């Protein structure tokens, strides 16, 4: 990083500090030459402003000039008094008052020499910064270490914004078509590498050309560090595979569970990315720390500890977040099923609940569908474990006469009956839902009762019929 103090040490410039001795650690991003009395609209933060003071006509002129530099965030002012009989005292006072370091340029020194030396110093600093970052990367530095080095080199805050988190920066990045962003308050670069959900490198301010080169280098190096971390995690997560196999085979899962290091109650999560094998990468980004994620593929399983702190709004939050970056997802659809919080003793059942929740998600129309097991009625989960042939036979045994009647008469008493039962057996509510008169509803339910030989006011009869209705859905 090039600072005002760095410029004082450049050979041949002979710059002398006239104000702001305590502010010489300011970072310098570029150089700007001006003779305007109010250059504020043309000056950028971090710039060294070089002026021959041709705008100065007398005491009092310096206030507006220096105030404009301070407002723009200039790093320092380098001024020559060759055309003003030295550096005016009111300029020294204004720089002291507004906190702008003032460097006096010797009267016999050409501005072209000053500009050349400063530009070369900035370029050398940028080249050195890139070399130092590359050196850190070859030492297997972590992402945080790379960010710390970059903060020192660029002189601005640097941080990572995962695309899988709600953020205004992510929204702006998506709106820009997934390309780099440049603004007065922040600069954004996509982190390199092929990942299911991208990371963004955010830098707190506008960048000079030299800083932009460092940022591009940093984004690539962070991508490499992320890939290394993903590879290490993939090896670590392999301890989950024996547990998943034990649950599928029906063998005792306790030994395999102990090897995973997971403790207490658990949630089983399964994800499917239609059209790609990105499920593992997406789950890795979305699940809480400590979760174990299975092998990559179109469908991937994961286990996460749940000590009672699992966020109940996780499905809604993740759905909203993924919807915001839908254009960046490497798949046609993203489907997730989640089990209830479960002790080890029912872990196999929890896996089946997650599997069925995934099937329910697949039936829904959205591009991103996340279904927790708690959303699925008990009867549907029980029926999900029943073989298809048995479900069809039971449906025919209970509903046979009604199904035949509808087929022969062209009616839809089956639908009427389902709505009636889903309205808790209330004729008034069911009639309203079906947009018919309540007497018409009562007639249809009476006819269905006759055909089925069932008293549809009795709970046990209602339960049998509703299960039969659900067996076909």
Protein backbone atom coordinates (compact mmCIF):
# COMPACT_ATOMS: atom_id res chain seq x y z
CA UNK A 1 0.00 0.00 0.00
CA UNK A 2 1.30 3.46 -0.93
CA UNK A 3 0.88 6.13 1.75
CA UNK A 4 1.62 9.84 1.90
CA UNK A 5 4.70 8.95 3.94
CA UNK A 6 5.83 6.63 1.11
CA UNK A 7 5.82 9.59 -1.30
CA UNK A 8 8.04 11.62 1.02
CA UNK A 9 10.71 8.95 0.67
CA UNK A 10 10.69 8.85 -3.15
CA UNK A 11 14.14 9.84 -4.44
CA UNK A 12 14.43 13.14 -6.27
CA UNK A 13 11.09 14.64 -5.21
CA UNK A 14 12.31 16.48 -2.10
CA UNK A 15 8.76 16.94 -0.81
CA UNK A 16 8.42 18.83 2.49
CA UNK A 17 5.53 18.52 4.96
CA UNK A 18 3.85 21.85 5.73
CA UNK A 19 0.67 20.59 7.45
CA UNK A 20 -0.88 17.35 8.65
CA UNK A 21 2.21 15.63 10.02
CA UNK A 22 0.03 13.21 11.99
CA UNK A 23 -1.93 12.18 8.87
CA UNK A 24 0.89 10.81 6.72
CA UNK A 25 -0.28 7.17 7.00
CA UNK A 26 -3.19 7.87 4.66
CA UNK A 27 -3.40 5.58 1.66
CA UNK A 28 -2.82 7.12 -1.78
CA UNK A 29 -4.73 5.57 -4.67
CA UNK A 30 -3.81 7.84 -7.62
CA UNK A 31 -2.67 11.34 -8.55
CA UNK A 32 -4.80 14.22 -9.88
CA UNK A 33 -3.53 17.58 -11.18
CA UNK A 34 -5.82 20.63 -11.00
CA UNK A 35 -5.81 24.41 -11.06
CA UNK A 36 -9.56 24.81 -10.51
CA UNK A 37 -10.61 26.99 -7.54
CA UNK A 38 -13.25 24.37 -6.59
CA UNK A 39 -12.12 20.91 -7.81
CA UNK A 40 -14.46 18.92 -5.57
CA UNK A 41 -16.55 17.30 -8.32
CA UNK A 42 -13.44 15.90 -10.03
CA UNK A 43 -11.50 14.63 -7.00
CA UNK A 44 -11.92 11.05 -5.75
CA UNK A 45 -11.23 9.61 -2.32
CA UNK A 46 -7.62 8.65 -1.72
CA UNK A 47 -6.15 10.86 -4.44
CA UNK A 48 -3.00 12.95 -4.12
CA UNK A 49 -3.97 16.36 -5.54
CA UNK A 50 -1.14 18.21 -7.29
CA UNK A 51 -1.56 21.97 -7.84
CA UNK A 52 0.58 24.92 -8.93
CA UNK A 53 -1.82 27.27 -7.05
CA UNK A 54 -2.74 29.21 -10.19
CA UNK A 55 -6.22 29.55 -8.68
CA UNK A 56 -4.86 31.48 -5.65
CA UNK A 57 -5.23 35.27 -5.91
CA UNK A 58 -5.01 36.29 -2.30
CA UNK A 59 -5.74 35.39 1.35
CA UNK A 60 -9.11 33.67 1.74
CA UNK A 61 -8.98 31.79 -1.56
CA UNK A 62 -7.61 28.62 0.06
CA UNK A 63 -10.66 27.87 2.23
CA UNK A 64 -13.03 26.78 -0.58
CA UNK A 65 -10.29 24.82 -2.36
CA UNK A 66 -9.19 22.82 0.70
CA UNK A 67 -12.75 22.31 1.92
CA UNK A 68 -13.58 20.70 -1.43
CA UNK A 69 -10.60 18.34 -1.10
CA UNK A 70 -11.62 17.35 2.42
CA UNK A 71 -15.21 16.68 1.38
CA UNK A 72 -14.04 14.47 -1.50
CA UNK A 73 -11.72 12.49 0.81
CA UNK A 74 -8.43 13.49 -0.85
CA UNK A 75 -5.36 11.84 0.69
CA UNK A 76 -3.16 14.93 0.53
CA UNK A 77 -2.35 18.12 -1.35
CA UNK A 78 1.06 18.58 -3.01
CA UNK A 79 1.49 22.24 -3.96
CA UNK A 80 4.18 24.35 -5.61
CA UNK A 81 4.64 28.01 -4.69
CA UNK A 82 6.62 28.86 -7.81
CA UNK A 83 3.86 31.16 -9.10
CA UNK A 84 2.64 32.46 -5.71
CA UNK A 85 5.87 33.52 -3.99
CA UNK A 86 5.88 30.41 -1.84
CA UNK A 87 3.14 28.48 -0.08
CA UNK A 88 0.48 30.94 1.19
CA UNK A 89 -0.07 30.90 4.96
CA UNK A 90 -3.85 30.73 4.52
CA UNK A 91 -3.36 27.47 2.59
CA UNK A 92 -1.33 26.01 5.47
CA UNK A 93 -4.03 27.11 7.92
CA UNK A 94 -6.88 25.69 5.80
CA UNK A 95 -5.12 22.32 5.41
CA UNK A 96 -4.50 22.17 9.16
CA UNK A 97 -8.14 23.05 9.88
CA UNK A 98 -9.62 20.51 7.42
CA UNK A 99 -7.15 17.71 8.12
CA UNK A 100 -5.46 17.62 4.70
CA UNK A 101 -1.71 16.83 4.66
CA UNK A 102 0.09 19.58 2.72
CA UNK A 103 3.32 18.74 0.90
CA UNK A 104 5.44 21.50 -0.62
CA UNK A 105 6.87 20.70 -4.06
CA UNK A 106 10.24 22.39 -4.78
CA UNK A 107 9.84 25.34 -7.17
CA UNK A 108 12.43 23.92 -9.54
CA UNK A 109 10.74 20.50 -9.83
CA UNK A 110 8.55 19.80 -12.88
CA UNK A 111 5.03 18.41 -12.25
CA UNK A 112 5.69 15.83 -14.96
CA UNK A 113 8.51 14.41 -12.83
CA UNK A 114 6.31 14.33 -9.74
CA UNK A 115 3.49 12.62 -11.65
CA UNK A 116 5.83 10.05 -13.20
CA UNK A 117 7.44 9.12 -9.88
CA UNK A 118 4.11 8.81 -8.06
CA UNK A 119 2.53 6.70 -10.81
CA UNK A 120 5.55 4.35 -10.83
CA UNK A 121 5.39 4.07 -7.04
CA UNK A 122 1.68 3.17 -7.17
CA UNK A 123 2.31 0.57 -9.90
CA UNK A 124 5.20 -0.97 -7.96
CA UNK A 125 3.07 -1.16 -4.83
CA UNK A 126 0.28 -2.91 -6.74
CA UNK A 127 2.72 -5.40 -8.25
CA UNK A 128 4.24 -6.05 -4.84
CA UNK A 129 0.78 -6.52 -3.34
CA UNK A 130 -0.11 -9.13 -5.96
CA UNK A 131 3.12 -11.00 -5.29
CA UNK A 132 2.53 -10.96 -1.54
CA UNK A 133 -1.05 -12.24 -1.95
CA UNK A 134 0.14 -15.00 -4.29
CA UNK A 135 2.80 -15.95 -1.77
CA UNK A 136 0.17 -16.22 0.95
CA UNK A 137 -2.03 -18.36 -1.29
CA UNK A 138 0.82 -20.79 -2.03
CA UNK A 139 1.27 -21.17 1.73
CA UNK A 140 -2.33 -22.51 1.91
CA UNK A 141 -3.51 -19.37 3.66
CA UNK A 142 -7.14 -19.37 4.77
CA UNK A 143 -9.73 -17.08 3.23
CA UNK A 144 -9.64 -14.86 6.32
CA UNK A 145 -5.84 -14.59 6.11
CA UNK A 146 -6.09 -13.55 2.46
CA UNK A 147 -8.68 -10.93 3.38
CA UNK A 148 -6.46 -9.56 6.13
CA UNK A 149 -3.55 -9.25 3.68
CA UNK A 150 -5.81 -7.59 1.12
CA UNK A 151 -7.08 -5.03 3.65
CA UNK A 152 -3.50 -4.01 4.30
CA UNK A 153 -2.59 -3.85 0.59
CA UNK A 154 -5.70 -2.09 -0.72
CA UNK A 155 -6.29 0.09 2.31
CA UNK A 156 -10.03 -0.59 2.33
CA UNK A 157 -12.31 -3.04 4.19
CA UNK A 158 -12.64 -6.40 2.40
CA UNK A 159 -15.17 -9.11 3.19
CA UNK A 160 -16.93 -12.11 1.68
CA UNK A 161 -20.67 -12.19 0.95
CA UNK A 162 -21.98 -15.71 0.16
CA UNK A 163 -24.75 -15.61 -2.44
CA UNK A 164 -26.70 -17.98 -0.20
CA UNK A 165 -27.31 -15.23 2.37
CA UNK A 166 -29.88 -12.42 2.22
CA UNK A 167 -27.98 -9.27 1.27
CA UNK A 168 -28.52 -6.05 -0.65
CA UNK A 169 -25.14 -6.62 -2.30
CA UNK A 170 -26.31 -10.00 -3.61
CA UNK A 171 -29.46 -8.41 -5.02
CA UNK A 172 -27.41 -5.70 -6.73
CA UNK A 173 -25.01 -8.30 -8.11
CA UNK A 174 -27.86 -10.38 -9.56
CA UNK A 175 -29.47 -7.25 -11.04
CA UNK A 176 -26.14 -6.51 -12.75
CA UNK A 177 -26.27 -9.89 -14.45
CA UNK A 178 -23.69 -11.53 -12.17
CA UNK A 179 -20.93 -9.13 -13.19
CA UNK A 180 -18.55 -6.95 -11.19
CA UNK A 181 -20.06 -3.89 -9.50
CA UNK A 182 -18.48 -0.46 -9.08
CA UNK A 183 -20.04 2.16 -6.82
CA UNK A 184 -18.88 4.98 -4.57
CA UNK A 185 -19.57 2.97 -1.42
CA UNK A 186 -18.58 -0.54 -2.48
CA UNK A 187 -16.95 -2.59 -5.22
CA UNK A 188 -17.95 -6.21 -5.80
CA UNK A 189 -16.12 -9.00 -7.60
CA UNK A 190 -17.35 -12.58 -8.08
CA UNK A 191 -14.99 -15.04 -6.42
CA UNK A 192 -13.37 -17.41 -8.89
CA UNK A 193 -14.04 -21.12 -9.20
CA UNK A 194 -16.93 -23.38 -10.12
CA UNK A 195 -19.18 -23.52 -7.08
CA UNK A 196 -22.87 -24.28 -6.71
CA UNK A 197 -23.49 -20.94 -4.97
CA UNK A 198 -20.99 -18.17 -5.70
CA UNK A 199 -19.24 -15.98 -3.21
CA UNK A 200 -18.82 -12.25 -3.69
CA UNK A 201 -15.74 -10.27 -2.70
CA UNK A 202 -16.88 -6.90 -1.37
CA UNK A 203 -14.49 -3.97 -0.94
CA UNK A 204 -15.62 -0.87 0.92
CA UNK A 205 -15.12 1.86 -1.62
CA UNK A 206 -14.38 2.79 -5.23
CA UNK A 207 -11.18 1.28 -6.61
CA UNK A 208 -8.32 2.76 -8.54
CA UNK A 209 -6.96 0.85 -11.53
CA UNK A 210 -4.16 -0.57 -9.36
CA UNK A 211 -6.55 -1.55 -6.57
CA UNK A 212 -8.90 -3.14 -9.12
CA UNK A 213 -6.05 -5.35 -10.36
CA UNK A 214 -5.34 -6.46 -6.80
CA UNK A 215 -9.06 -7.14 -6.25
CA UNK A 216 -9.23 -9.35 -9.35
CA UNK A 217 -6.17 -11.27 -8.17
CA UNK A 218 -7.65 -11.61 -4.68
CA UNK A 219 -10.99 -12.91 -6.01
CA UNK A 220 -9.17 -15.65 -7.90
CA UNK A 221 -7.00 -16.61 -4.92
CA UNK A 222 -10.00 -16.76 -2.58
CA UNK A 223 -11.68 -19.04 -5.11
CA UNK A 224 -8.68 -21.39 -4.92
CA UNK A 225 -8.74 -21.29 -1.11
CA UNK A 226 -12.45 -22.06 -1.13
CA UNK A 227 -11.91 -25.02 -3.46
CA UNK A 228 -9.21 -26.38 -1.14
CA UNK A 229 -11.51 -26.01 1.86
CA UNK A 230 -14.33 -27.78 -0.03
CA UNK A 231 -12.03 -30.67 -0.87
CA UNK A 232 -10.98 -31.03 2.77
CA UNK A 233 -14.61 -30.94 3.89
CA UNK A 234 -15.58 -33.56 1.32
CA UNK A 235 -13.05 -35.93 2.88
CA UNK A 236 -14.25 -35.10 6.41
CA UNK A 237 -17.91 -35.57 5.46
CA UNK A 238 -17.27 -39.11 4.22
CA UNK A 239 -17.81 -40.32 7.79
CA UNK A 240 -21.52 -39.85 7.03
CA UNK A 241 -21.59 -42.51 4.28
CA UNK A 242 -21.52 -45.61 6.60
CA UNK A 243 -24.38 -44.13 8.63
CA UNK A 244 -26.52 -43.52 5.53
CA UNK A 245 -25.77 -47.07 4.36
CA UNK A 246 -26.76 -48.50 7.76
CA UNK A 247 -30.07 -46.63 7.68
CA UNK A 248 -30.80 -47.93 4.17
CA UNK A 249 -29.85 -51.52 5.01
CA UNK A 250 -31.75 -51.66 8.29
CA UNK A 251 -28.63 -52.47 10.34
CA UNK A 252 -27.72 -50.95 13.70
CA UNK A 253 -26.64 -47.32 13.05
CA UNK A 254 -25.15 -46.55 16.48
CA UNK A 255 -21.51 -47.40 15.70
CA UNK A 256 -21.63 -45.44 12.45
CA UNK A 257 -23.30 -42.51 14.21
CA UNK A 258 -20.62 -42.43 16.90
CA UNK A 259 -17.95 -42.15 14.19
CA UNK A 260 -19.64 -39.01 12.79
CA UNK A 261 -19.28 -37.08 16.04
CA UNK A 262 -22.92 -35.97 15.85
CA UNK A 263 -24.69 -35.82 19.20
CA UNK A 264 -28.22 -35.42 20.52
CA UNK A 265 -31.31 -35.03 18.36
CA UNK A 266 -30.85 -34.75 14.61
CA UNK A 267 -32.58 -33.58 11.47
CA UNK A 268 -32.25 -35.42 8.19
CA UNK A 269 -32.14 -33.22 5.10
CA UNK A 270 -32.24 -34.38 1.50
CA UNK A 271 -31.81 -32.15 -1.55
CA UNK A 272 -32.25 -32.71 -5.27
CA UNK A 273 -30.97 -30.40 -7.99
CA UNK A 274 -32.68 -31.32 -11.22
CA UNK A 275 -30.30 -31.12 -14.15
CA UNK A 276 -27.05 -30.96 -12.17
CA UNK A 277 -25.08 -32.54 -9.34
CA UNK A 278 -24.95 -29.34 -7.29
CA UNK A 279 -27.04 -30.57 -4.34
CA UNK A 280 -24.03 -31.12 -2.07
CA UNK A 281 -22.54 -27.72 -2.81
CA UNK A 282 -25.80 -25.92 -2.11
CA UNK A 283 -26.50 -27.82 1.14
CA UNK A 284 -22.96 -27.13 2.32
CA UNK A 285 -23.63 -23.40 1.98
CA UNK A 286 -27.13 -23.42 3.46
CA UNK A 287 -26.96 -25.77 6.46
CA UNK A 288 -25.79 -24.64 9.90
CA UNK A 289 -22.13 -25.16 10.87
CA UNK A 290 -21.37 -28.71 11.99
CA UNK A 291 -23.77 -30.41 9.58
CA UNK A 292 -22.44 -33.38 7.63
CA UNK A 293 -23.29 -33.54 3.93
CA UNK A 294 -23.20 -36.70 1.83
CA UNK A 295 -21.51 -37.28 -1.53
CA UNK A 296 -22.17 -35.06 -4.55
CA UNK A 297 -24.91 -36.06 -6.93
CA UNK A 298 -28.30 -34.96 -8.17
CA UNK A 299 -29.66 -36.11 -4.78
CA UNK A 300 -27.64 -35.58 -1.60
CA UNK A 301 -28.39 -36.43 2.04
CA UNK A 302 -27.24 -34.52 5.11
CA UNK A 303 -27.55 -34.69 8.89
CA UNK A 304 -27.55 -31.71 11.23
CA UNK A 305 -27.67 -31.53 15.00
CA UNK A 306 -30.78 -29.94 16.49
CA UNK A 307 -30.44 -28.96 20.13
CA UNK A 308 -33.66 -27.00 19.99
CA UNK A 309 -32.12 -23.98 18.27
CA UNK A 310 -32.99 -25.00 14.70
CA UNK A 311 -34.68 -21.93 13.16
CA UNK A 312 -38.30 -22.72 12.42
CA UNK A 313 -38.29 -20.19 9.59
CA UNK A 314 -35.32 -21.91 7.88
CA UNK A 315 -37.41 -23.24 4.95
CA UNK A 316 -39.01 -19.84 4.28
CA UNK A 317 -35.73 -17.97 4.69
CA UNK A 318 -33.81 -20.30 2.40
CA UNK A 319 -36.60 -20.27 -0.19
CA UNK A 320 -36.57 -16.47 -0.28
CA UNK A 321 -32.77 -16.36 -0.43
CA UNK A 322 -32.50 -18.90 -3.26
CA UNK A 323 -35.31 -17.20 -5.17
CA UNK A 324 -33.22 -14.04 -5.10
CA UNK A 325 -30.31 -15.81 -6.82
CA UNK A 326 -32.37 -18.15 -8.98
CA UNK A 327 -30.61 -16.97 -12.13
CA UNK A 328 -27.28 -18.07 -10.62
CA UNK A 329 -28.38 -21.60 -9.65
CA UNK A 330 -26.78 -24.35 -11.75
CA UNK A 331 -29.97 -26.42 -11.94
CA UNK A 332 -33.52 -26.38 -13.31
CA UNK A 333 -35.16 -26.93 -9.90
CA UNK A 334 -33.99 -26.99 -6.28
CA UNK A 335 -35.96 -29.36 -4.04
CA UNK A 336 -35.36 -30.00 -0.32
CA UNK A 337 -37.09 -32.28 2.18
CA UNK A 338 -36.48 -32.01 5.94
CA UNK A 339 -37.36 -34.43 8.72
CA UNK A 340 -38.66 -33.50 12.14
CA UNK A 341 -36.26 -33.21 15.07
CA UNK A 342 -35.58 -36.86 15.92
CA UNK A 343 -33.62 -38.91 18.46
CA UNK A 344 -31.26 -41.61 17.22
CA UNK A 345 -33.79 -44.33 18.01
CA UNK A 346 -36.08 -43.16 15.17
CA UNK A 347 -33.41 -41.89 12.78
CA UNK A 348 -34.37 -44.41 10.10
CA UNK A 349 -37.94 -43.15 10.23
CA UNK A 350 -36.70 -39.57 10.08
CA UNK A 351 -34.86 -40.40 6.88
CA UNK A 352 -38.11 -41.72 5.39
CA UNK A 353 -39.95 -38.56 6.44
CA UNK A 354 -37.30 -36.45 4.66
CA UNK A 355 -37.56 -38.71 1.61
CA UNK A 356 -41.33 -38.28 1.45
CA UNK A 357 -41.05 -34.52 2.05
CA UNK A 358 -38.74 -34.40 -0.98
CA UNK A 359 -41.36 -36.30 -3.01
CA UNK A 360 -43.99 -33.76 -1.95
CA UNK A 361 -41.65 -30.93 -2.97
CA UNK A 362 -41.26 -32.55 -6.40
CA UNK A 363 -45.06 -32.55 -6.85
CA UNK A 364 -45.22 -28.81 -6.32
CA UNK A 365 -44.78 -26.42 -9.27
CA UNK A 366 -42.12 -24.02 -8.02
CA UNK A 367 -38.52 -23.83 -9.14
CA UNK A 368 -37.48 -23.80 -5.48
CA UNK A 369 -39.52 -25.97 -3.12
CA UNK A 370 -38.55 -26.74 0.49
CA UNK A 371 -40.88 -29.00 2.48
CA UNK A 372 -40.42 -29.74 6.21
CA UNK A 373 -41.89 -33.01 7.41
CA UNK A 374 -44.06 -31.13 9.90
CA UNK A 375 -46.10 -29.73 6.99
CA UNK A 376 -47.20 -33.21 5.92
CA UNK A 377 -50.22 -34.77 7.59
CA UNK A 378 -49.72 -37.94 9.62
CA UNK A 379 -52.03 -39.92 7.36
CA UNK A 380 -49.96 -39.03 4.30
CA UNK A 381 -46.74 -40.12 5.97
CA UNK A 382 -48.32 -43.42 7.04
CA UNK A 383 -49.68 -44.04 3.56
CA UNK A 384 -46.30 -43.17 2.05
CA UNK A 385 -44.84 -46.33 3.55
CA UNK A 386 -47.62 -48.54 2.12
CA UNK A 387 -46.90 -50.39 -1.17
CA UNK A 388 -48.72 -48.91 -4.17
CA UNK A 389 -50.66 -52.13 -4.90
CA UNK A 390 -51.94 -52.32 -1.34
CA UNK A 391 -52.95 -48.65 -1.39
CA UNK A 392 -54.87 -49.16 -4.62
CA UNK A 393 -56.61 -52.26 -3.24
CA UNK A 394 -57.65 -50.52 -0.04
CA UNK A 395 -58.91 -47.50 -1.97
CA UNK A 396 -61.01 -49.74 -4.20
CA UNK A 397 -62.36 -51.73 -1.22
CA UNK A 398 -63.60 -48.63 0.63
CA UNK A 399 -64.54 -46.36 -2.28
CA UNK A 400 -65.41 -48.89 -4.99
CA UNK A 401 -69.18 -48.19 -5.24
CA UNK A 402 -68.59 -44.42 -5.22
CA UNK A 403 -65.89 -44.60 -7.89
CA UNK A 404 -68.15 -46.73 -10.11
CA UNK A 405 -71.12 -44.39 -9.62
CA UNK A 406 -69.06 -41.33 -10.61
CA UNK A 407 -67.78 -43.15 -13.69
CA UNK A 408 -71.28 -44.21 -14.80
CA UNK A 409 -73.15 -40.98 -13.97
CA UNK A 410 -70.46 -38.46 -14.83
CA UNK A 411 -70.64 -37.00 -11.32
CA UNK A 412 -67.82 -36.16 -8.90
CA UNK A 413 -69.08 -37.31 -5.53
CA UNK A 414 -65.51 -38.35 -4.64
CA UNK A 415 -64.37 -34.72 -4.79
CA UNK A 416 -67.45 -33.54 -2.88
CA UNK A 417 -66.78 -36.09 -0.16
CA UNK A 418 -63.11 -35.09 0.16
CA UNK A 419 -64.00 -31.40 0.52
CA UNK A 420 -66.69 -32.28 3.09
CA UNK A 421 -64.23 -34.25 5.23
CA UNK A 422 -61.50 -31.60 4.88
CA UNK A 423 -64.04 -29.08 6.17
CA UNK A 424 -64.33 -31.19 9.36
CA UNK A 425 -67.67 -32.59 8.27
CA UNK A 426 -69.34 -29.15 8.24
CA UNK A 427 -72.04 -28.94 5.53
CA UNK A 428 -72.02 -25.13 5.69
CA UNK A 429 -68.24 -24.78 5.17
CA UNK A 430 -68.15 -27.47 2.50
CA UNK A 431 -71.06 -25.89 0.58
CA UNK A 432 -69.26 -22.55 0.68
CA UNK A 433 -66.04 -24.14 -0.58
CA UNK A 434 -67.87 -25.89 -3.43
CA UNK A 435 -70.06 -22.87 -4.24
CA UNK A 436 -73.29 -24.86 -3.90
CA UNK A 437 -76.39 -24.55 -1.72
CA UNK A 438 -76.07 -26.31 1.62
CA UNK A 439 -79.11 -28.50 0.83
CA UNK A 440 -77.40 -29.63 -2.40
CA UNK A 441 -74.33 -30.52 -0.36
CA UNK A 442 -76.38 -32.49 2.16
CA UNK A 443 -78.06 -34.42 -0.66
CA UNK A 444 -74.72 -35.36 -2.24
CA UNK A 445 -73.24 -36.50 1.07
CA UNK A 446 -76.38 -38.53 1.79
CA UNK A 447 -76.07 -40.21 -1.62
CA UNK A 448 -72.38 -40.96 -0.96
CA UNK A 449 -73.28 -42.49 2.41
CA UNK A 450 -75.82 -44.79 0.75
CA UNK A 451 -73.37 -45.95 -1.90
CA UNK A 452 -70.61 -46.60 0.63
CA UNK A 453 -72.87 -48.06 3.31
CA UNK A 454 -71.15 -45.78 5.80
CA UNK A 455 -72.37 -43.30 8.40
CA UNK A 456 -70.32 -40.24 7.49
CA UNK A 457 -71.19 -38.51 10.75
CA UNK A 458 -69.14 -41.08 12.70
CA UNK A 459 -65.46 -40.26 13.23
CA UNK A 460 -64.11 -43.77 12.61
CA UNK A 461 -66.10 -44.04 9.37
CA UNK A 462 -64.85 -40.60 8.30
CA UNK A 463 -61.26 -41.66 9.07
CA UNK A 464 -61.47 -44.83 6.95
CA UNK A 465 -62.98 -42.97 4.03
CA UNK A 466 -60.47 -40.09 4.24
CA UNK A 467 -57.53 -42.50 4.30
CA UNK A 468 -58.95 -44.23 1.26
CA UNK A 469 -59.35 -40.89 -0.49
CA UNK A 470 -55.76 -39.96 0.39
CA UNK A 471 -54.43 -43.30 -0.81
CA UNK A 472 -55.05 -42.17 -4.36
CA UNK A 473 -53.22 -38.84 -4.10
